[in-house]
PDB file of N, CA and C in Angstrom:
ATOM      1  N   MET A   1       0.873 -12.499  18.443  1.00  0.00           N
ATOM      2  CA  MET A   1       1.957 -11.648  18.647  1.00  0.00           C
ATOM      3  C   MET A   1       2.689 -11.537  19.297  1.00  0.00           C
ATOM      4  N   PRO A   2       3.920 -12.104  18.475  1.00  0.00           N
ATOM      5  CA  PRO A   2       4.906 -12.167  19.225  1.00  0.00           C
ATOM      6  C   PRO A   2       5.771 -10.502  20.215  1.00  0.00           C
ATOM      7  N   SER A   3       6.602 -10.352  21.048  1.00  0.00           N
ATOM      8  CA  SER A   3       6.951  -9.884  21.734  1.00  0.00           C
ATOM      9  C   SER A   3       7.800  -8.272  20.595  1.00  0.00           C
ATOM     10  N   GLN A   4       7.608  -7.158  20.654  1.00  0.00           N
ATOM     11  CA  GLN A   4       8.540  -6.342  20.146  1.00  0.00           C
ATOM     12  C   GLN A   4       9.357  -5.975  21.176  1.00  0.00           C
ATOM     13  N   GLN A   5      11.231  -5.947  20.518  1.00  0.00           N
ATOM     14  CA  GLN A   5      11.887  -5.628  21.456  1.00  0.00           C
ATOM     15  C   GLN A   5      12.694  -4.129  21.197  1.00  0.00           C
ATOM     16  N   ILE A   6      12.040  -3.684  22.360  1.00  0.00           N
ATOM     17  CA  ILE A   6      12.969  -1.677  21.973  1.00  0.00           C
ATOM     18  C   ILE A   6      14.200  -1.382  23.079  1.00  0.00           C
ATOM     19  N   GLY A   7      15.336  -0.531  22.113  1.00  0.00           N
ATOM     20  CA  GLY A   7      16.180  -0.280  23.617  1.00  0.00           C
ATOM     21  C   GLY A   7      15.305   0.365  24.505  1.00  0.00           C
ATOM     22  N   ILE A   8      16.795   0.708  26.087  1.00  0.00           N
ATOM     23  CA  ILE A   8      15.739   1.391  26.923  1.00  0.00           C
ATOM     24  C   ILE A   8      15.188   2.892  26.514  1.00  0.00           C
ATOM     25  N   PHE A   9      16.185   3.328  25.547  1.00  0.00           N
ATOM     26  CA  PHE A   9      16.128   5.581  25.025  1.00  0.00           C
ATOM     27  C   PHE A   9      15.338   5.183  24.034  1.00  0.00           C
ATOM     28  N   GLU A  10      14.979   4.792  23.795  1.00  0.00           N
ATOM     29  CA  GLU A  10      13.750   4.071  22.819  1.00  0.00           C
ATOM     30  C   GLU A  10      12.459   3.975  23.591  1.00  0.00           C
ATOM     31  N   ALA A  11      12.408   2.913  24.580  1.00  0.00           N
ATOM     32  CA  ALA A  11      10.885   2.891  25.521  1.00  0.00           C
ATOM     33  C   ALA A  11      10.894   4.496  26.596  1.00  0.00           C
ATOM     34  N   LYS A  12      12.314   5.149  26.383  1.00  0.00           N
ATOM     35  CA  LYS A  12      12.150   6.396  27.582  1.00  0.00           C
ATOM     36  C   LYS A  12      11.641   7.563  27.151  1.00  0.00           C
ATOM     37  N   THR A  13      11.957   7.306  25.346  1.00  0.00           N
ATOM     38  CA  THR A  13      11.497   8.653  24.731  1.00  0.00           C
ATOM     39  C   THR A  13       9.924   8.445  23.789  1.00  0.00           C
ATOM     40  N   HIS A  14       9.582   7.562  24.475  1.00  0.00           N
ATOM     41  CA  HIS A  14       8.324   6.663  23.024  1.00  0.00           C
ATOM     42  C   HIS A  14       7.556   6.134  24.719  1.00  0.00           C
ATOM     43  N   LEU A  15       7.338   6.621  26.411  1.00  0.00           N
ATOM     44  CA  LEU A  15       6.644   5.879  26.561  1.00  0.00           C
ATOM     45  C   LEU A  15       5.530   6.138  26.711  1.00  0.00           C
ATOM     46  N   SER A  16       4.881   6.504  26.329  1.00  0.00           N
ATOM     47  CA  SER A  16       3.252   6.726  26.704  1.00  0.00           C
ATOM     48  C   SER A  16       2.876   5.810  25.275  1.00  0.00           C
ATOM     49  N   GLN A  17       3.330   6.378  23.792  1.00  0.00           N
ATOM     50  CA  GLN A  17       2.968   5.579  22.766  1.00  0.00           C
ATOM     51  C   GLN A  17       2.431   4.098  23.391  1.00  0.00           C
ATOM     52  N   ILE A  18       3.925   3.727  23.987  1.00  0.00           N
ATOM     53  CA  ILE A  18       4.202   1.834  24.123  1.00  0.00           C
ATOM     54  C   ILE A  18       3.625   1.381  24.705  1.00  0.00           C
ATOM     55  N   ILE A  19       2.882   2.669  26.155  1.00  0.00           N
ATOM     56  CA  ILE A  19       1.440   1.983  27.051  1.00  0.00           C
ATOM     57  C   ILE A  19       0.140   2.185  26.004  1.00  0.00           C
ATOM     58  N   GLU A  20       0.138   2.879  25.530  1.00  0.00           N
ATOM     59  CA  GLU A  20      -1.284   3.361  24.174  1.00  0.00           C
ATOM     60  C   GLU A  20      -1.212   1.669  24.099  1.00  0.00           C
ATOM     61  N   LYS A  21      -0.284   0.997  23.030  1.00  0.00           N
ATOM     62  CA  LYS A  21      -0.112  -0.195  22.324  1.00  0.00           C
ATOM     63  C   LYS A  21      -0.141  -1.219  23.142  1.00  0.00           C
ATOM     64  N   VAL A  22       0.247  -1.430  24.415  1.00  0.00           N
ATOM     65  CA  VAL A  22       0.593  -2.271  25.522  1.00  0.00           C
ATOM     66  C   VAL A  22      -0.852  -2.466  26.523  1.00  0.00           C
ATOM     67  N   LYS A  23      -1.586  -1.545  26.605  1.00  0.00           N
ATOM     68  CA  LYS A  23      -3.614  -1.291  26.507  1.00  0.00           C
ATOM     69  C   LYS A  23      -3.660  -1.688  26.302  1.00  0.00           C
ATOM     70  N   ASN A  24      -3.501  -2.585  24.472  1.00  0.00           N
ATOM     71  CA  ASN A  24      -4.214  -2.956  23.120  1.00  0.00           C
ATOM     72  C   ASN A  24      -3.739  -4.108  22.953  1.00  0.00           C
ATOM     73  N   GLY A  25      -3.158  -4.621  24.017  1.00  0.00           N
ATOM     74  CA  GLY A  25      -2.445  -6.270  24.318  1.00  0.00           C
ATOM     75  C   GLY A  25      -1.581  -6.859  23.263  1.00  0.00           C
ATOM     76  N   ALA A  26      -0.397  -5.122  23.446  1.00  0.00           N
ATOM     77  CA  ALA A  26       0.467  -5.466  22.695  1.00  0.00           C
ATOM     78  C   ALA A  26       1.771  -5.977  23.987  1.00  0.00           C
ATOM     79  N   ASP A  27       2.949  -5.938  23.905  1.00  0.00           N
ATOM     80  CA  ASP A  27       3.897  -6.233  24.848  1.00  0.00           C
ATOM     81  C   ASP A  27       5.006  -6.038  23.677  1.00  0.00           C
ATOM     82  N   PHE A  28       6.051  -5.432  25.038  1.00  0.00           N
ATOM     83  CA  PHE A  28       7.438  -5.578  24.362  1.00  0.00           C
ATOM     84  C   PHE A  28       8.516  -5.172  26.035  1.00  0.00           C
ATOM     85  N   ILE A  29       9.655  -5.945  24.788  1.00  0.00           N
ATOM     86  CA  ILE A  29      11.350  -6.463  25.815  1.00  0.00           C
ATOM     87  C   ILE A  29      12.148  -5.245  25.717  1.00  0.00           C
ATOM     88  N   ILE A  30      12.904  -4.803  26.776  1.00  0.00           N
ATOM     89  CA  ILE A  30      13.027  -3.918  26.958  1.00  0.00           C
ATOM     90  C   ILE A  30      14.309  -4.309  26.896  1.00  0.00           C
ATOM     91  N   THR A  31      15.306  -3.156  26.439  1.00  0.00           N
ATOM     92  CA  THR A  31      16.616  -4.148  25.999  1.00  0.00           C
ATOM     93  C   THR A  31      18.025  -3.004  26.497  1.00  0.00           C
ATOM     94  N   ASN A  32      19.057  -3.098  27.141  1.00  0.00           N
ATOM     95  CA  ASN A  32      19.673  -2.352  27.592  1.00  0.00           C
ATOM     96  C   ASN A  32      21.718  -2.956  26.765  1.00  0.00           C
ATOM     97  N   ARG A  33      21.627  -2.189  25.698  1.00  0.00           N
ATOM     98  CA  ARG A  33      22.892  -3.175  24.797  1.00  0.00           C
ATOM     99  C   ARG A  33      22.838  -4.203  24.250  1.00  0.00           C
ATOM    100  N   GLY A  34      20.798  -4.145  23.648  1.00  0.00           N
ATOM    101  CA  GLY A  34      21.216  -5.348  22.986  1.00  0.00           C
ATOM    102  C   GLY A  34      21.057  -7.197  23.722  1.00  0.00           C
ATOM    103  N   GLU A  35      21.034  -6.644  25.286  1.00  0.00           N
ATOM    104  CA  GLU A  35      20.430  -7.825  26.444  1.00  0.00           C
ATOM    105  C   GLU A  35      18.912  -7.279  26.794  1.00  0.00           C
ATOM    106  N   PRO A  36      18.468  -8.471  26.411  1.00  0.00           N
ATOM    107  CA  PRO A  36      17.113  -8.623  27.504  1.00  0.00           C
ATOM    108  C   PRO A  36      16.813  -8.107  29.560  1.00  0.00           C
ATOM    109  N   VAL A  37      16.217  -6.719  29.623  1.00  0.00           N
ATOM    110  CA  VAL A  37      16.526  -7.040  31.298  1.00  0.00           C
ATOM    111  C   VAL A  37      14.667  -6.206  31.370  1.00  0.00           C
ATOM    112  N   ALA A  38      13.855  -6.776  30.814  1.00  0.00           N
ATOM    113  CA  ALA A  38      12.458  -5.934  31.452  1.00  0.00           C
ATOM    114  C   ALA A  38      11.320  -5.951  30.419  1.00  0.00           C
ATOM    115  N   LYS A  39      10.048  -6.724  30.648  1.00  0.00           N
ATOM    116  CA  LYS A  39       9.667  -7.272  29.953  1.00  0.00           C
ATOM    117  C   LYS A  39       7.720  -6.376  30.286  1.00  0.00           C
ATOM    118  N   ILE A  40       7.356  -5.548  29.445  1.00  0.00           N
ATOM    119  CA  ILE A  40       5.906  -4.460  29.644  1.00  0.00           C
ATOM    120  C   ILE A  40       4.594  -5.714  28.873  1.00  0.00           C
ATOM    121  N   ILE A  41       3.686  -5.323  29.507  1.00  0.00           N
ATOM    122  CA  ILE A  41       2.610  -6.634  29.190  1.00  0.00           C
ATOM    123  C   ILE A  41       2.089  -5.905  30.242  1.00  0.00           C
ATOM    124  N   PRO A  42       0.334  -6.042  29.554  1.00  0.00           N
ATOM    125  CA  PRO A  42      -0.832  -5.818  29.434  1.00  0.00           C
ATOM    126  C   PRO A  42      -1.333  -6.575  31.325  1.00  0.00           C
ATOM    127  N   ILE A  43      -1.674  -5.575  32.395  1.00  0.00           N
ATOM    128  CA  ILE A  43      -1.819  -6.253  33.438  1.00  0.00           C
ATOM    129  C   ILE A  43      -2.723  -7.721  33.017  1.00  0.00           C
ATOM    130  N   GLU A  44      -3.878  -7.381  32.153  1.00  0.00           N
ATOM    131  CA  GLU A  44      -4.760  -8.805  32.370  1.00  0.00           C
ATOM    132  C   GLU A  44      -3.767  -9.997  32.025  1.00  0.00           C
ATOM    133  N   GLN A  45      -3.008  -9.923  31.012  1.00  0.00           N
ATOM    134  CA  GLN A  45      -1.948 -11.068  30.422  1.00  0.00           C
ATOM    135  C   GLN A  45      -0.526 -11.480  31.573  1.00  0.00           C
ATOM    136  N   GLU A  46      -0.184  -9.994  33.064  1.00  0.00           N
ATOM    137  CA  GLU A  46       0.412 -10.987  33.524  1.00  0.00           C
ATOM    138  C   GLU A  46      -1.066 -11.602  34.721  1.00  0.00           C
ATOM    139  N   LYS A  47      -2.153 -11.601  35.599  1.00  0.00           N
ATOM    140  CA  LYS A  47      -2.535 -12.499  35.780  1.00  0.00           C
ATOM    141  C   LYS A  47      -2.750 -13.562  35.278  1.00  0.00           C
ATOM    142  N   GLN A  48      -2.918 -13.473  33.394  1.00  0.00           N
ATOM    143  CA  GLN A  48      -2.838 -15.091  33.480  1.00  0.00           C
ATOM    144  C   GLN A  48      -1.927 -15.831  33.512  1.00  0.00           C
ATOM    145  N   MET A  49      -0.857 -15.298  33.605  1.00  0.00           N
ATOM    146  CA  MET A  49       0.294 -16.376  33.350  1.00  0.00           C
ATOM    147  C   MET A  49       0.531 -16.154  34.531  1.00  0.00           C
ATOM    148  N   THR A  50      -0.216 -15.963  35.661  1.00  0.00           N
ATOM    149  CA  THR A  50      -0.085 -15.627  37.187  1.00  0.00           C
ATOM    150  C   THR A  50      -0.548 -17.294  37.622  1.00  0.00           C
ATOM    151  N   ARG A  51      -2.052 -17.257  36.503  1.00  0.00           N
ATOM    152  CA  ARG A  51      -2.766 -18.526  36.703  1.00  0.00           C
ATOM    153  C   ARG A  51      -2.406 -19.187  36.347  1.00  0.00           C
ATOM    154  N   LYS A  52      -1.730 -19.033  34.530  1.00  0.00           N
ATOM    155  CA  LYS A  52      -1.290 -20.682  35.002  1.00  0.00           C
ATOM    156  C   LYS A  52      -0.040 -21.291  35.519  1.00  0.00           C
ATOM    157  N   GLU A  53       1.049 -19.845  35.430  1.00  0.00           N
ATOM    158  CA  GLU A  53       1.545 -21.090  36.930  1.00  0.00           C
ATOM    159  C   GLU A  53       0.950 -21.677  37.833  1.00  0.00           C
ATOM    160  N   ALA A  54       0.139 -20.918  38.678  1.00  0.00           N
ATOM    161  CA  ALA A  54      -0.344 -22.168  40.067  1.00  0.00           C
ATOM    162  C   ALA A  54      -0.014 -23.366  39.185  1.00  0.00           C
ATOM    163  N   VAL A  55      -1.488 -23.301  38.088  1.00  0.00           N
ATOM    164  CA  VAL A  55      -2.377 -24.916  37.913  1.00  0.00           C
ATOM    165  C   VAL A  55      -0.704 -25.428  37.194  1.00  0.00           C
ATOM    166  N   GLU A  56      -0.109 -25.365  36.845  1.00  0.00           N
ATOM    167  CA  GLU A  56       1.646 -25.726  36.595  1.00  0.00           C
ATOM    168  C   GLU A  56       2.021 -26.201  37.984  1.00  0.00           C
ATOM    169  N   LYS A  57       2.409 -25.643  38.792  1.00  0.00           N
ATOM    170  CA  LYS A  57       2.909 -25.636  39.705  1.00  0.00           C
ATOM    171  C   LYS A  57       1.599 -26.562  40.167  1.00  0.00           C
ATOM    172  N   MET A  58       0.248 -26.356  40.580  1.00  0.00           N
ATOM    173  CA  MET A  58       0.053 -27.909  41.299  1.00  0.00           C
ATOM    174  C   MET A  58      -0.690 -29.556  40.600  1.00  0.00           C
ATOM    175  N   ILE A  59      -0.472 -29.089  39.505  1.00  0.00           N
ATOM    176  CA  ILE A  59      -0.217 -30.678  38.780  1.00  0.00           C
ATOM    177  C   ILE A  59       0.717 -31.194  38.911  1.00  0.00           C
ATOM    178  N   GLU A  60       2.532 -30.144  38.891  1.00  0.00           N
ATOM    179  CA  GLU A  60       3.550 -31.359  38.895  1.00  0.00           C
ATOM    180  C   GLU A  60       3.202 -31.448  40.933  1.00  0.00           C
ATOM    181  N   LEU A  61       2.945 -30.936  42.059  1.00  0.00           N
ATOM    182  CA  LEU A  61       2.001 -31.438  42.779  1.00  0.00           C
ATOM    183  C   LEU A  61       1.928 -32.700  43.517  1.00  0.00           C
ATOM    184  N   ARG A  62       0.565 -32.679  41.962  1.00  0.00           N
ATOM    185  CA  ARG A  62      -0.080 -33.839  42.553  1.00  0.00           C
ATOM    186  C   ARG A  62       0.630 -35.175  41.628  1.00  0.00           C
ATOM    187  N   LYS A  63       1.775 -34.896  41.078  1.00  0.00           N
ATOM    188  CA  LYS A  63       2.487 -35.689  39.661  1.00  0.00           C
ATOM    189  C   LYS A  63       3.306 -36.530  40.909  1.00  0.00           C
ATOM    190  N   ASN A  64       3.758 -35.310  41.823  1.00  0.00           N
ATOM    191  CA  ASN A  64       4.948 -36.115  42.723  1.00  0.00           C
ATOM    192  C   ASN A  64       4.019 -37.017  43.739  1.00  0.00           C
ATOM    193  N   TYR A  65       3.551 -36.562  44.425  1.00  0.00           N
ATOM    194  CA  TYR A  65       2.252 -37.434  45.466  1.00  0.00           C
ATOM    195  C   TYR A  65       1.741 -38.443  45.305  1.00  0.00           C
ATOM    196  N   ARG A  66       1.554 -38.631  44.371  1.00  0.00           N
ATOM    197  CA  ARG A  66       0.203 -39.408  43.062  1.00  0.00           C
ATOM    198  C   ARG A  66       0.553 -40.682  43.467  1.00  0.00           C
ATOM    199  N   GLY A  67       0.060 -41.491  44.265  1.00  0.00           N
ATOM    200  CA  GLY A  67       0.300 -42.928  44.563  1.00  0.00           C
ATOM    201  C   GLY A  67       1.057 -43.213  45.910  1.00  0.00           C
ATOM    202  N   GLU A  68       1.279 -42.156  46.789  1.00  0.00           N
ATOM    203  CA  GLU A  68       2.047 -41.869  47.872  1.00  0.00           C
ATOM    204  C   GLU A  68       0.904 -40.903  48.675  1.00  0.00           C
ATOM    205  N   SER A  69       0.181 -41.702  49.148  1.00  0.00           N
ATOM    206  CA  SER A  69      -0.871 -40.877  49.991  1.00  0.00           C
ATOM    207  C   SER A  69      -0.762 -40.530  51.570  1.00  0.00           C
ATOM    208  N   SER A  70      -0.433 -42.284  51.553  1.00  0.00           N
ATOM    209  CA  SER A  70       0.246 -41.940  53.138  1.00  0.00           C
ATOM    210  C   SER A  70       1.806 -41.148  53.294  1.00  0.00           C
ATOM    211  N   SER A  71       2.104 -40.675  52.377  1.00  0.00           N
ATOM    212  CA  SER A  71       4.068 -40.276  52.820  1.00  0.00           C
ATOM    213  C   SER A  71       3.096 -39.098  52.793  1.00  0.00           C
ATOM    214  N   PHE A  72       2.328 -38.339  52.204  1.00  0.00           N
ATOM    215  CA  PHE A  72       1.922 -37.165  51.234  1.00  0.00           C
ATOM    216  C   PHE A  72       1.605 -35.823  53.044  1.00  0.00           C
ATOM    217  N   ASN A  73       2.376 -34.338  53.377  1.00  0.00           N
ATOM    218  CA  ASN A  73       2.929 -33.762  54.623  1.00  0.00           C
ATOM    219  C   ASN A  73       2.011 -32.799  54.137  1.00  0.00           C
ATOM    220  N   VAL A  74       0.754 -32.475  54.666  1.00  0.00           N
ATOM    221  CA  VAL A  74       0.168 -31.705  54.408  1.00  0.00           C
ATOM    222  C   VAL A  74       1.388 -30.007  54.740  1.00  0.00           C
ATOM    223  N   ARG A  75       1.616 -30.211  55.306  1.00  0.00           N
ATOM    224  CA  ARG A  75       2.598 -28.725  55.939  1.00  0.00           C
ATOM    225  C   ARG A  75       3.472 -28.723  55.158  1.00  0.00           C
ATOM    226  N   LYS A  76       3.729 -29.824  54.688  1.00  0.00           N
ATOM    227  CA  LYS A  76       5.558 -30.126  54.460  1.00  0.00           C
ATOM    228  C   LYS A  76       4.895 -29.264  52.809  1.00  0.00           C
ATOM    229  N   ALA A  77       3.919 -29.881  51.992  1.00  0.00           N
ATOM    230  CA  ALA A  77       3.265 -28.947  50.986  1.00  0.00           C
ATOM    231  C   ALA A  77       3.205 -27.636  51.079  1.00  0.00           C
ATOM    232  N   ILE A  78       3.147 -27.310  52.203  1.00  0.00           N
ATOM    233  CA  ILE A  78       2.581 -25.821  52.129  1.00  0.00           C
ATOM    234  C   ILE A  78       3.486 -24.837  51.993  1.00  0.00           C
ATOM    235  N   GLU A  79       4.752 -25.315  53.152  1.00  0.00           N
ATOM    236  CA  GLU A  79       5.861 -24.928  53.532  1.00  0.00           C
ATOM    237  C   GLU A  79       7.295 -24.308  52.104  1.00  0.00           C
ATOM    238  N   GLU A  80       6.340 -25.451  51.845  1.00  0.00           N
ATOM    239  CA  GLU A  80       7.295 -25.531  50.138  1.00  0.00           C
ATOM    240  C   GLU A  80       6.258 -24.392  49.361  1.00  0.00           C
ATOM    241  N   GLY A  81       5.367 -24.431  48.669  1.00  0.00           N
ATOM    242  CA  GLY A  81       4.389 -23.173  48.654  1.00  0.00           C
ATOM    243  C   GLY A  81       4.457 -21.838  48.611  1.00  0.00           C
ATOM    244  N   ARG A  82       5.463 -21.533  50.006  1.00  0.00           N
ATOM    245  CA  ARG A  82       6.198 -21.126  50.320  1.00  0.00           C
ATOM    246  C   ARG A  82       7.585 -19.820  49.981  1.00  0.00           C
ATOM    247  N   ARG A  83       7.770 -20.536  49.325  1.00  0.00           N
ATOM    248  CA  ARG A  83       8.907 -20.828  48.690  1.00  0.00           C
ATOM    249  C   ARG A  83       9.306 -20.010  47.766  1.00  0.00           C
TER     250      ARG A  83
END
């Protein structure tokens, strides 16, 4: 289901109704004068996105260091992950 865009005024006016829809899986992009400024998503969706991003980052790290085991620096990889 694609995100529904709503303006700040509408979001403020109908926040409780929006939250009910979000509880049921909907998500909304809040706009300010037509420009997206925030997104309201179910908390479970946020957790899934975070996991997905973590997996993508691990795959990217693996690609960068594949075949270069002698030059792989664990400390450097940990520091890169903290940025």
